[in-house]
N, C-alpha and C. Protein backbone atom coordinates (compact mmCIF):
# COMPACT_ATOMS: atom_id res chain seq x y z
N MET A 1 -111.72 131.85 55.80
CA MET A 1 -112.28 130.60 56.62
C MET A 1 -111.25 129.11 56.16
N GLU A 2 -110.84 128.95 57.19
CA GLU A 2 -109.61 127.62 57.07
C GLU A 2 -110.90 126.19 56.68
N PHE A 3 -109.96 125.48 56.07
CA PHE A 3 -110.44 124.27 55.49
C PHE A 3 -110.87 123.15 56.51
N TRP A 4 -109.74 123.03 57.32
CA TRP A 4 -109.82 122.31 58.48
C TRP A 4 -109.95 123.05 59.91
N ASN A 5 -110.22 122.54 61.10
CA ASN A 5 -110.33 123.23 62.35
C ASN A 5 -108.83 123.57 62.98
N ASP A 6 -108.85 124.70 63.50
CA ASP A 6 -107.52 124.99 63.99
C ASP A 6 -106.57 124.50 65.05
N ILE A 7 -107.57 123.46 65.71
CA ILE A 7 -106.83 122.41 66.67
C ILE A 7 -105.98 121.59 65.70
N ALA A 8 -106.63 121.02 64.55
CA ALA A 8 -105.97 119.95 63.91
C ALA A 8 -104.85 120.50 63.07
N THR A 9 -105.07 121.94 62.52
CA THR A 9 -103.75 122.32 61.73
C THR A 9 -102.72 122.81 62.67
N ASP A 10 -102.99 123.31 63.91
CA ASP A 10 -101.90 123.61 64.41
C ASP A 10 -101.07 122.50 65.14
N LYS A 11 -101.94 121.50 65.49
CA LYS A 11 -101.14 120.32 65.91
C LYS A 11 -100.21 119.85 64.72
N SER A 12 -100.76 119.93 63.60
CA SER A 12 -100.07 119.46 62.42
C SER A 12 -98.64 120.24 62.01
N TRP A 13 -99.03 121.60 62.34
CA TRP A 13 -97.84 122.56 62.12
C TRP A 13 -96.83 122.22 63.16
N LYS A 14 -97.01 122.11 64.27
CA LYS A 14 -96.02 121.65 65.40
C LYS A 14 -95.36 120.49 65.12
N VAL A 15 -96.13 119.34 64.45
CA VAL A 15 -95.36 118.14 64.26
C VAL A 15 -94.64 118.39 63.11
N LEU A 16 -94.87 119.25 62.27
CA LEU A 16 -93.95 119.61 60.84
C LEU A 16 -92.82 120.47 61.33
N ILE A 17 -92.82 121.39 62.31
CA ILE A 17 -91.49 121.82 62.70
C ILE A 17 -90.72 120.82 63.64
N GLU A 18 -91.35 119.90 64.27
CA GLU A 18 -90.62 118.98 65.08
C GLU A 18 -89.58 118.39 64.11
N ILE A 19 -90.55 117.47 63.39
CA ILE A 19 -89.58 116.46 62.64
C ILE A 19 -88.61 116.99 61.87
N SER A 20 -88.98 118.47 61.07
CA SER A 20 -87.96 119.13 60.39
C SER A 20 -86.72 119.45 61.23
N LYS A 21 -86.83 119.25 62.33
CA LYS A 21 -85.39 119.60 62.90
C LYS A 21 -84.54 118.39 63.08
N ARG A 22 -85.13 117.28 62.98
CA ARG A 22 -84.57 116.00 63.02
C ARG A 22 -84.25 115.19 61.68
N PHE A 23 -85.16 115.41 60.80
CA PHE A 23 -84.94 114.66 59.45
C PHE A 23 -84.86 115.47 58.31
N ASP A 24 -84.08 115.18 57.33
CA ASP A 24 -83.97 116.01 56.03
C ASP A 24 -85.02 115.40 54.98
N PHE A 25 -86.04 116.28 54.51
CA PHE A 25 -86.97 115.99 53.47
C PHE A 25 -87.51 117.35 52.83
N ILE A 26 -88.50 117.09 51.81
CA ILE A 26 -88.59 118.21 51.17
C ILE A 26 -90.29 118.09 51.31
N ILE A 27 -90.88 119.35 51.60
CA ILE A 27 -92.17 119.25 51.76
C ILE A 27 -93.08 119.36 50.70
N ILE A 28 -93.89 118.85 50.34
CA ILE A 28 -94.98 119.01 49.12
C ILE A 28 -96.40 118.79 49.62
N GLY A 29 -97.38 119.09 49.18
CA GLY A 29 -98.64 119.03 49.44
C GLY A 29 -99.19 120.32 50.23
N GLY A 30 -100.15 120.20 50.96
CA GLY A 30 -100.96 121.49 51.35
C GLY A 30 -100.08 122.26 52.23
N TRP A 31 -98.96 121.65 53.17
CA TRP A 31 -98.06 122.84 53.94
C TRP A 31 -97.13 123.46 53.03
N ALA A 32 -96.80 122.70 51.87
CA ALA A 32 -95.90 123.42 50.93
C ALA A 32 -96.35 124.65 50.46
N ALA A 33 -98.00 124.52 50.04
CA ALA A 33 -98.92 125.63 49.38
C ALA A 33 -98.90 126.65 50.54
N TYR A 34 -99.09 126.20 51.88
CA TYR A 34 -99.32 127.43 52.82
C TYR A 34 -97.87 128.03 52.99
N LEU A 35 -96.94 127.39 53.10
CA LEU A 35 -95.35 127.95 53.16
C LEU A 35 -95.09 129.04 52.26
N HIS A 36 -95.56 128.92 50.96
CA HIS A 36 -95.49 129.37 49.67
C HIS A 36 -96.30 130.77 49.87
N THR A 37 -97.65 130.73 50.50
CA THR A 37 -98.60 131.63 50.32
C THR A 37 -98.82 132.49 51.71
N LYS A 38 -98.39 131.62 52.90
CA LYS A 38 -99.13 131.93 54.03
C LYS A 38 -100.58 132.09 54.25
N THR A 39 -101.26 131.26 53.63
CA THR A 39 -102.73 131.03 53.45
C THR A 39 -103.08 129.64 53.28
N LEU A 40 -104.44 129.35 54.21
CA LEU A 40 -104.68 127.94 54.10
C LEU A 40 -103.90 127.08 54.56
N LYS A 41 -103.99 126.83 55.91
CA LYS A 41 -103.15 125.72 56.44
C LYS A 41 -103.68 124.25 56.16
N SER A 42 -102.86 123.41 56.62
CA SER A 42 -103.03 121.98 56.20
C SER A 42 -103.41 120.98 57.44
N LYS A 43 -103.81 119.89 57.26
CA LYS A 43 -103.84 119.03 58.61
C LYS A 43 -102.82 117.89 58.30
N ASP A 44 -102.77 117.30 57.10
CA ASP A 44 -101.99 116.21 56.56
C ASP A 44 -100.56 116.78 56.45
N ILE A 45 -99.43 116.08 56.49
CA ILE A 45 -98.09 116.32 56.27
C ILE A 45 -97.42 115.26 55.17
N ASP A 46 -97.29 116.04 54.23
CA ASP A 46 -96.54 115.18 52.82
C ASP A 46 -95.06 115.66 52.73
N VAL A 47 -94.03 114.49 52.61
CA VAL A 47 -92.98 114.77 52.49
C VAL A 47 -92.17 113.79 51.76
N VAL A 48 -91.23 114.38 50.85
CA VAL A 48 -90.25 113.41 50.15
C VAL A 48 -89.05 113.40 51.00
N VAL A 49 -88.54 112.13 50.80
CA VAL A 49 -87.31 111.65 51.70
C VAL A 49 -86.48 110.80 50.96
N ASP A 50 -85.10 110.48 51.19
CA ASP A 50 -84.22 109.45 50.43
C ASP A 50 -84.34 108.34 51.33
N PHE A 51 -83.69 107.19 51.21
CA PHE A 51 -83.95 106.08 51.61
C PHE A 51 -83.25 106.00 53.03
N ASP A 52 -82.17 106.92 53.29
CA ASP A 52 -81.27 106.72 54.43
C ASP A 52 -82.27 107.68 55.62
N THR A 53 -82.84 108.63 55.02
CA THR A 53 -83.84 109.36 55.97
C THR A 53 -85.10 108.37 56.55
N LEU A 54 -85.55 107.63 55.51
CA LEU A 54 -86.50 106.65 55.74
C LEU A 54 -86.29 105.64 56.73
N GLU A 55 -85.15 105.14 56.64
CA GLU A 55 -84.59 104.31 57.73
C GLU A 55 -84.48 105.05 59.28
N LYS A 56 -83.95 106.12 58.85
CA LYS A 56 -83.99 106.96 60.20
C LYS A 56 -85.20 107.00 61.01
N MET A 57 -86.32 107.37 59.99
CA MET A 57 -87.84 107.56 60.66
C MET A 57 -88.23 106.34 61.27
N GLY A 58 -88.00 105.16 60.48
CA GLY A 58 -88.21 104.01 60.86
C GLY A 58 -87.91 103.41 62.05
N MET A 59 -86.64 104.13 62.58
CA MET A 59 -86.12 103.72 63.71
C MET A 59 -86.92 104.61 65.03
N GLU A 60 -87.45 105.64 64.47
CA GLU A 60 -88.13 106.37 65.61
C GLU A 60 -89.67 106.13 65.65
N TYR A 61 -90.23 105.69 64.61
CA TYR A 61 -91.70 105.57 64.52
C TYR A 61 -92.08 104.24 63.71
N ARG A 62 -93.24 103.76 63.91
CA ARG A 62 -93.97 102.80 63.42
C ARG A 62 -94.09 102.92 61.80
N LEU A 63 -93.10 102.50 60.86
CA LEU A 63 -93.43 102.99 59.67
C LEU A 63 -94.33 101.81 58.74
N LYS A 64 -95.39 102.42 58.39
CA LYS A 64 -96.23 101.53 57.69
C LYS A 64 -96.14 101.72 56.07
N LYS A 65 -95.91 100.42 55.20
CA LYS A 65 -95.69 100.53 53.91
C LYS A 65 -97.09 100.44 53.42
N ASN A 66 -97.56 101.41 52.49
CA ASN A 66 -98.88 101.49 51.51
C ASN A 66 -98.56 101.21 50.30
N THR A 67 -98.45 99.89 49.85
CA THR A 67 -98.28 99.13 48.54
C THR A 67 -99.15 99.84 47.41
N ASN A 68 -100.44 100.00 47.86
CA ASN A 68 -101.27 100.68 46.88
C ASN A 68 -101.23 101.95 46.55
N LEU A 69 -100.84 102.60 47.76
CA LEU A 69 -100.67 104.16 47.17
C LEU A 69 -99.30 104.72 47.15
N LYS A 70 -98.52 103.59 47.13
CA LYS A 70 -96.92 103.60 46.60
C LYS A 70 -96.40 104.87 47.46
N LYS A 71 -96.49 104.51 49.01
CA LYS A 71 -95.97 105.66 49.99
C LYS A 71 -95.87 104.87 51.11
N TYR A 72 -94.82 105.68 52.21
CA TYR A 72 -95.04 105.11 53.49
C TYR A 72 -95.77 105.95 54.26
N GLU A 73 -96.11 105.68 55.74
CA GLU A 73 -96.85 106.43 56.48
C GLU A 73 -96.32 106.21 58.06
N ILE A 74 -96.20 107.53 58.57
CA ILE A 74 -96.15 107.46 60.19
C ILE A 74 -97.06 108.33 60.94
N ILE A 75 -97.35 107.86 62.15
CA ILE A 75 -98.31 108.94 62.85
C ILE A 75 -97.45 109.41 64.07
N VAL A 76 -97.41 110.84 64.04
CA VAL A 76 -96.87 111.53 65.11
C VAL A 76 -97.61 112.53 65.90
N ASP A 77 -97.90 112.14 66.95
CA ASP A 77 -98.94 112.82 67.82
C ASP A 77 -100.34 112.97 67.20
N GLU A 78 -100.89 111.69 66.84
CA GLU A 78 -102.16 111.80 65.96
C GLU A 78 -102.21 112.37 64.48
N ILE A 79 -101.17 112.84 64.24
CA ILE A 79 -101.25 113.29 62.80
C ILE A 79 -100.37 112.63 61.94
N SER A 80 -101.19 112.43 60.78
CA SER A 80 -100.53 111.39 59.55
C SER A 80 -99.50 112.26 59.01
N VAL A 81 -98.39 111.38 58.87
CA VAL A 81 -97.12 111.83 57.82
C VAL A 81 -97.01 111.02 56.55
N ASP A 82 -97.35 111.31 55.55
CA ASP A 82 -97.19 110.62 54.17
C ASP A 82 -95.96 110.85 53.64
N ILE A 83 -95.08 109.73 53.30
CA ILE A 83 -93.62 109.78 53.25
C ILE A 83 -93.61 109.21 51.71
N TYR A 84 -92.98 109.76 50.75
CA TYR A 84 -92.89 109.45 49.53
C TYR A 84 -91.19 109.25 49.09
N VAL A 85 -90.74 108.27 48.61
CA VAL A 85 -89.58 107.93 48.33
C VAL A 85 -89.26 107.58 46.55
N PRO A 86 -88.05 107.76 46.34
CA PRO A 86 -87.74 107.67 44.86
C PRO A 86 -87.79 106.28 44.30
N PHE A 87 -88.38 106.13 43.19
CA PHE A 87 -88.57 104.82 42.57
C PHE A 87 -89.51 103.84 43.19
N PHE A 88 -90.28 104.31 44.20
CA PHE A 88 -91.31 103.62 44.79
C PHE A 88 -92.81 104.24 44.50
N SER A 89 -92.49 105.58 44.97
CA SER A 89 -93.81 106.39 45.05
C SER A 89 -94.05 106.73 43.60
N LYS A 90 -95.11 107.09 43.19
CA LYS A 90 -95.62 107.15 41.81
C LYS A 90 -96.22 108.58 41.73
N LEU A 91 -95.23 109.59 41.50
CA LEU A 91 -95.56 110.95 41.42
C LEU A 91 -95.23 111.47 39.91
N VAL A 92 -96.05 112.38 39.50
CA VAL A 92 -95.70 112.41 37.92
C VAL A 92 -94.45 113.33 37.47
N VAL A 93 -93.81 114.14 38.74
CA VAL A 93 -92.48 114.59 38.72
C VAL A 93 -91.69 113.57 39.45
N PRO A 94 -90.71 113.03 38.83
CA PRO A 94 -89.66 111.86 39.38
C PRO A 94 -89.21 112.68 40.96
N LEU A 95 -89.12 111.75 41.79
CA LEU A 95 -88.61 112.41 43.13
C LEU A 95 -87.33 112.53 43.28
N GLU A 96 -86.56 111.84 42.18
CA GLU A 96 -85.18 112.39 42.27
C GLU A 96 -84.98 113.60 41.49
N ASP A 97 -85.84 114.10 40.96
CA ASP A 97 -85.67 115.58 40.27
C ASP A 97 -86.06 116.55 41.26
N LEU A 98 -86.57 116.26 42.42
CA LEU A 98 -87.14 117.55 43.24
C LEU A 98 -86.14 118.06 44.25
N LYS A 99 -84.99 117.56 44.26
CA LYS A 99 -84.24 118.38 45.30
C LYS A 99 -83.59 119.38 44.43
N SER A 100 -83.29 119.54 43.02
CA SER A 100 -83.07 120.71 42.62
C SER A 100 -84.16 121.72 42.08
N MET A 101 -85.37 121.23 42.46
CA MET A 101 -86.66 122.00 42.26
C MET A 101 -87.24 122.40 43.57
N SER A 102 -86.43 122.79 44.40
CA SER A 102 -87.06 123.03 45.90
C SER A 102 -86.14 124.21 46.41
N THR A 103 -86.68 124.96 47.44
CA THR A 103 -86.24 126.10 48.00
C THR A 103 -86.52 126.06 49.61
N SER A 104 -85.73 126.95 50.32
CA SER A 104 -85.87 126.98 51.83
C SER A 104 -86.72 128.14 52.17
N ILE A 105 -87.57 127.87 52.85
CA ILE A 105 -88.64 128.70 53.45
C ILE A 105 -88.79 128.46 55.01
N GLU A 106 -88.59 129.31 55.87
CA GLU A 106 -88.66 129.12 57.19
C GLU A 106 -87.65 128.02 57.72
N GLY A 107 -86.55 127.94 57.13
CA GLY A 107 -85.49 126.82 57.57
C GLY A 107 -86.03 125.51 57.09
N MET A 108 -86.95 125.24 56.14
CA MET A 108 -87.70 124.09 55.84
C MET A 108 -87.36 123.88 54.17
N ARG A 109 -87.07 122.77 53.67
CA ARG A 109 -86.91 122.51 52.22
C ARG A 109 -88.34 122.58 51.71
N VAL A 110 -88.80 123.19 50.75
CA VAL A 110 -90.22 123.23 49.92
C VAL A 110 -90.16 123.06 48.52
N VAL A 111 -90.84 122.50 47.98
CA VAL A 111 -90.98 122.30 46.71
C VAL A 111 -91.33 123.62 45.93
N ASN A 112 -90.51 123.76 44.79
CA ASN A 112 -90.96 125.24 44.18
C ASN A 112 -92.46 125.21 43.86
N PRO A 113 -92.99 126.44 43.69
CA PRO A 113 -94.40 126.59 43.27
C PRO A 113 -94.72 126.00 41.98
N GLU A 114 -94.06 126.07 41.01
CA GLU A 114 -94.44 125.34 40.00
C GLU A 114 -94.55 123.78 39.66
N VAL A 115 -93.52 123.08 40.35
CA VAL A 115 -93.81 121.64 40.83
C VAL A 115 -94.77 121.62 41.52
N LEU A 116 -95.16 122.39 42.63
CA LEU A 116 -96.24 122.05 43.64
C LEU A 116 -97.42 122.07 42.91
N LEU A 117 -97.68 123.13 41.99
CA LEU A 117 -98.64 123.14 41.10
C LEU A 117 -99.32 121.73 40.60
N ILE A 118 -98.25 121.26 39.99
CA ILE A 118 -98.32 120.11 39.04
C ILE A 118 -98.54 118.88 39.97
N LEU A 119 -97.96 118.84 40.96
CA LEU A 119 -98.15 117.65 42.30
C LEU A 119 -99.53 117.97 42.62
N LYS A 120 -100.12 119.02 42.89
CA LYS A 120 -101.49 119.36 43.50
C LYS A 120 -102.47 118.85 42.38
N GLN A 121 -102.28 119.38 41.23
CA GLN A 121 -103.19 118.83 40.07
C GLN A 121 -103.08 117.15 40.13
N GLN A 122 -102.20 116.53 40.23
CA GLN A 122 -102.05 115.11 40.07
C GLN A 122 -102.83 114.54 41.12
N ALA A 123 -102.88 115.16 42.34
CA ALA A 123 -103.97 114.66 43.50
C ALA A 123 -105.22 115.22 43.12
N GLU A 124 -105.53 116.32 42.47
CA GLU A 124 -107.04 116.66 42.33
C GLU A 124 -107.43 115.76 41.08
N PHE A 125 -106.56 115.22 40.39
CA PHE A 125 -107.26 114.26 39.30
C PHE A 125 -107.68 112.93 39.79
N GLU A 126 -106.77 112.62 40.97
CA GLU A 126 -107.07 111.19 41.59
C GLU A 126 -108.13 111.25 42.54
N ARG A 127 -108.62 112.40 42.99
CA ARG A 127 -109.54 112.45 44.22
C ARG A 127 -110.39 113.59 43.91
N ARG A 128 -110.72 113.98 42.74
CA ARG A 128 -111.52 115.35 42.52
C ARG A 128 -112.97 115.29 43.00
N ASP A 129 -113.51 114.16 43.24
CA ASP A 129 -115.02 114.15 43.80
C ASP A 129 -114.99 113.95 45.26
N SER A 130 -114.03 114.07 45.82
CA SER A 130 -113.96 114.04 47.50
C SER A 130 -113.76 115.11 47.96
N ILE A 131 -113.83 115.39 49.16
CA ILE A 131 -113.35 116.70 50.02
C ILE A 131 -111.90 116.94 49.92
N LYS A 132 -111.33 116.03 49.99
CA LYS A 132 -109.51 116.40 49.70
C LYS A 132 -109.46 117.07 48.24
N GLY A 133 -110.31 116.56 47.35
CA GLY A 133 -110.03 117.03 46.16
C GLY A 133 -110.53 118.64 45.95
N GLN A 134 -111.49 118.83 46.82
CA GLN A 134 -112.02 120.26 47.04
C GLN A 134 -110.71 120.91 47.55
N LYS A 135 -110.19 120.48 48.56
CA LYS A 135 -109.06 121.18 49.16
C LYS A 135 -107.74 121.19 48.26
N ASP A 136 -107.39 120.24 47.45
CA ASP A 136 -106.63 120.31 46.27
C ASP A 136 -106.83 121.80 45.26
N ARG A 137 -108.14 121.70 44.79
CA ARG A 137 -108.38 122.83 44.13
C ARG A 137 -108.29 124.25 44.96
N ALA A 138 -108.58 124.33 46.25
CA ALA A 138 -108.12 125.35 46.87
C ALA A 138 -106.88 125.75 46.94
N ASP A 139 -106.07 124.64 47.23
CA ASP A 139 -104.65 124.95 47.14
C ASP A 139 -104.00 125.43 45.98
N ILE A 140 -104.49 124.78 44.68
CA ILE A 140 -104.22 125.25 43.36
C ILE A 140 -104.48 126.58 43.13
N LEU A 141 -105.61 127.05 43.50
CA LEU A 141 -106.06 128.46 43.35
C LEU A 141 -105.22 129.25 44.52
N ASN A 142 -104.97 129.16 45.51
CA ASN A 142 -103.81 129.65 46.47
C ASN A 142 -102.62 129.93 45.83
N VAL A 143 -102.06 128.92 45.28
CA VAL A 143 -100.66 128.96 44.48
C VAL A 143 -100.75 130.01 43.37
N LEU A 144 -101.88 129.90 42.61
CA LEU A 144 -101.98 130.61 41.35
C LEU A 144 -102.11 132.12 41.86
N ILE A 145 -102.94 132.43 42.98
CA ILE A 145 -103.14 133.75 43.33
C ILE A 145 -101.88 134.50 44.25
N ASN A 146 -101.62 133.72 45.12
CA ASN A 146 -100.94 134.24 46.29
C ASN A 146 -99.28 133.84 46.36
N SER A 147 -98.82 132.92 45.56
CA SER A 147 -97.46 132.55 45.30
C SER A 147 -96.64 133.22 44.32
N SER A 148 -95.43 132.84 44.13
CA SER A 148 -94.60 133.50 43.12
C SER A 148 -94.35 132.53 41.68
N VAL A 149 -95.37 131.77 41.57
CA VAL A 149 -95.27 130.82 40.59
C VAL A 149 -95.18 131.46 39.18
N GLU A 150 -94.57 131.00 38.37
CA GLU A 150 -94.16 131.55 37.13
C GLU A 150 -94.60 130.20 36.18
N LEU A 151 -95.75 130.73 35.48
CA LEU A 151 -96.30 129.84 34.64
C LEU A 151 -95.82 129.57 33.36
N LYS A 152 -94.77 129.99 32.79
CA LYS A 152 -93.81 129.56 31.85
C LYS A 152 -93.14 128.49 32.47
N LYS A 153 -92.56 128.56 33.57
CA LYS A 153 -91.75 127.26 34.25
C LYS A 153 -92.92 126.32 34.25
N TYR A 154 -94.02 126.70 34.84
CA TYR A 154 -94.88 125.65 34.98
C TYR A 154 -94.91 124.63 33.42
N LEU A 155 -95.25 125.50 32.52
CA LEU A 155 -95.40 124.94 31.14
C LEU A 155 -94.33 124.03 30.67
N ASN A 156 -93.21 124.78 30.99
CA ASN A 156 -91.97 123.87 30.64
C ASN A 156 -91.75 122.54 31.18
N LEU A 157 -92.33 122.52 32.32
CA LEU A 157 -92.35 121.22 33.23
C LEU A 157 -93.27 120.24 32.73
N VAL A 158 -94.57 120.90 32.53
CA VAL A 158 -95.63 119.92 31.98
C VAL A 158 -95.11 119.37 30.67
N ARG A 159 -94.42 120.12 29.79
CA ARG A 159 -93.99 119.71 28.52
C ARG A 159 -92.94 118.58 28.57
N LYS A 160 -92.03 118.86 29.59
CA LYS A 160 -90.62 118.06 29.86
C LYS A 160 -91.51 116.52 30.44
N TYR A 161 -92.52 116.69 31.24
CA TYR A 161 -92.89 115.20 31.85
C TYR A 161 -94.19 114.79 31.15
N ARG A 162 -94.48 115.50 29.98
CA ARG A 162 -95.47 115.05 28.96
C ARG A 162 -96.89 115.10 29.78
N LEU A 163 -97.07 116.03 30.27
CA LEU A 163 -98.30 116.17 30.99
C LEU A 163 -99.54 116.83 30.24
N THR A 164 -99.67 116.43 28.98
CA THR A 164 -100.49 117.22 27.93
C THR A 164 -101.76 117.92 28.78
N ASP A 165 -102.52 117.05 29.39
CA ASP A 165 -103.71 117.42 29.76
C ASP A 165 -103.97 118.37 31.09
N TYR A 166 -102.64 118.55 31.73
CA TYR A 166 -102.80 119.43 32.70
C TYR A 166 -103.16 120.79 32.51
N PRO A 167 -102.67 121.68 31.66
CA PRO A 167 -103.06 122.86 31.52
C PRO A 167 -104.56 123.24 31.20
N LYS A 168 -105.13 122.25 30.29
CA LYS A 168 -106.52 122.37 30.17
C LYS A 168 -107.22 122.12 31.52
N ARG A 169 -106.92 121.18 32.28
CA ARG A 169 -107.74 121.04 33.68
C ARG A 169 -107.49 122.14 34.64
N LEU A 170 -106.25 122.70 34.39
CA LEU A 170 -105.95 124.22 35.51
C LEU A 170 -106.87 125.03 34.90
N ARG A 171 -107.33 125.37 33.68
CA ARG A 171 -108.29 126.17 33.38
C ARG A 171 -109.62 126.08 33.64
N GLU A 172 -109.88 124.69 33.77
CA GLU A 172 -111.22 124.16 34.19
C GLU A 172 -111.41 124.57 35.67
N ILE A 173 -110.39 124.41 36.51
CA ILE A 173 -110.31 124.41 37.93
C ILE A 173 -110.91 125.88 38.11
N VAL A 174 -110.17 126.69 37.46
CA VAL A 174 -110.28 128.18 37.83
C VAL A 174 -111.61 128.52 37.51
N LYS A 175 -112.21 128.29 36.16
CA LYS A 175 -113.27 128.46 35.54
C LYS A 175 -114.62 127.98 36.50
N THR A 176 -114.47 126.97 37.06
CA THR A 176 -115.62 126.65 37.75
C THR A 176 -115.51 126.73 39.53
N ALA A 177 -114.28 127.27 39.78
CA ALA A 177 -114.18 127.41 41.32
C ALA A 177 -115.24 128.21 41.72
N ARG A 178 -115.84 128.00 42.88
CA ARG A 178 -116.80 128.89 43.53
C ARG A 178 -116.38 128.76 44.89
N LYS A 179 -116.80 127.74 45.72
CA LYS A 179 -116.56 127.44 47.00
C LYS A 179 -115.06 127.60 47.60
N GLU A 180 -114.20 127.25 46.59
CA GLU A 180 -112.56 127.23 46.72
C GLU A 180 -112.32 128.59 47.09
N PHE A 181 -112.87 129.58 46.44
CA PHE A 181 -112.54 131.09 46.76
C PHE A 181 -112.84 131.27 48.26
N GLU A 182 -113.98 131.00 48.76
CA GLU A 182 -114.16 131.42 50.20
C GLU A 182 -113.05 130.77 51.27
N TYR A 183 -112.59 129.65 50.72
CA TYR A 183 -111.42 128.90 51.68
C TYR A 183 -110.34 129.94 51.76
N LEU A 184 -110.09 130.81 50.46
CA LEU A 184 -108.86 131.65 50.73
C LEU A 184 -109.39 133.10 51.16
N GLY A 185 -110.87 133.14 51.72
CA GLY A 185 -111.19 134.41 52.32
C GLY A 185 -111.83 135.41 51.47
N ILE A 186 -111.99 134.99 50.03
CA ILE A 186 -112.33 135.66 49.03
C ILE A 186 -114.08 135.47 48.68
N ARG A 187 -114.75 136.31 49.08
CA ARG A 187 -116.17 136.04 49.14
C ARG A 187 -116.78 137.19 48.19
N ASN A 188 -116.25 138.25 47.85
CA ASN A 188 -117.06 139.18 47.19
C ASN A 188 -117.04 138.91 45.84
N PRO A 189 -118.30 138.73 45.09
CA PRO A 189 -118.31 138.23 43.73
C PRO A 189 -117.70 138.81 42.78
N ARG A 190 -117.56 140.36 42.96
CA ARG A 190 -116.92 141.17 41.95
C ARG A 190 -115.52 140.66 41.75
N ARG A 191 -114.89 140.54 43.25
CA ARG A 191 -113.46 140.18 43.56
C ARG A 191 -113.17 138.74 42.68
N ILE A 192 -114.42 138.00 42.90
CA ILE A 192 -114.07 136.77 42.62
C ILE A 192 -113.93 136.80 40.96
N LYS A 193 -114.87 137.42 40.28
CA LYS A 193 -115.19 137.43 38.85
C LYS A 193 -113.55 138.33 38.30
N ILE A 194 -113.20 139.24 38.85
CA ILE A 194 -111.76 139.81 38.38
C ILE A 194 -110.87 138.92 38.45
N LEU A 195 -110.77 138.08 39.53
CA LEU A 195 -109.60 137.24 39.86
C LEU A 195 -109.60 135.97 38.76
N LYS A 196 -110.78 135.47 38.51
CA LYS A 196 -111.07 134.66 37.50
C LYS A 196 -110.68 135.10 36.04
N GLU A 197 -111.06 136.34 35.67
CA GLU A 197 -110.58 137.10 34.61
C GLU A 197 -109.13 136.97 34.33
N GLU A 198 -108.54 137.41 35.20
CA GLU A 198 -107.09 137.94 35.33
C GLU A 198 -106.30 136.38 35.11
N LEU A 199 -106.81 135.40 36.02
CA LEU A 199 -106.17 134.07 35.82
C LEU A 199 -106.42 133.33 34.67
N MET A 200 -107.60 133.58 33.93
CA MET A 200 -107.79 132.99 32.72
C MET A 200 -107.28 133.55 31.55
N LYS A 201 -106.75 134.72 31.67
CA LYS A 201 -106.22 135.39 30.68
C LYS A 201 -104.65 134.87 30.69
N LYS A 202 -104.05 134.67 31.75
CA LYS A 202 -102.66 134.17 31.95
C LYS A 202 -102.77 132.63 31.39
N LEU A 203 -103.88 131.94 31.84
CA LEU A 203 -103.70 130.49 31.43
C LEU A 203 -104.16 130.10 30.09
N ARG A 204 -104.57 131.17 29.36
CA ARG A 204 -104.91 130.86 27.89
C ARG A 204 -103.88 131.09 27.02
N GLU A 205 -103.02 131.55 27.53
CA GLU A 205 -101.42 131.58 26.82
C GLU A 205 -100.59 130.35 26.93
N LEU A 206 -101.11 129.54 27.79
CA LEU A 206 -100.32 128.08 28.14
C LEU A 206 -100.60 127.19 26.66
């Protein structure tokens, strides 16, 4: 079961492919989770760019500066693209560090799963009571279950950036997850119980 309808996610994917051919950026957010797992598509697009790329984007699209949320936005074929830039956007992992923490998937630059897990947690902290917060939790479970994430690397990053409450919240997300498993196509109660036990065993070591 997909979180968003196929029309929205298919259009968003096409836009992501299109702009990736014209601009240099690092993908974060839901599409990064999908590229690492091939599960649970996204509707919105979230990318990190440098100021040169931001200027190029502004030449082709109407660039909106969102001072409150510390990001820029463009609309491409009715799809929202959120753009984060160094020294302005307030992500818990400094954007200038992300270039060395990314990899190429399907010809696109994507943030590594350990960093993605942290950024997804930041988003979930900020909007946990909304529908997007539920999508964040589904993405977090998706990365934990279906990606090549290494929890030791995650823990090292958590320590590096002094995110001391993140491991505890991660355990809470796994422990309380119910509906989120359905979005990953996992409905069997026994399967869910086993997955939770396996994940909690790994997370207790953090």
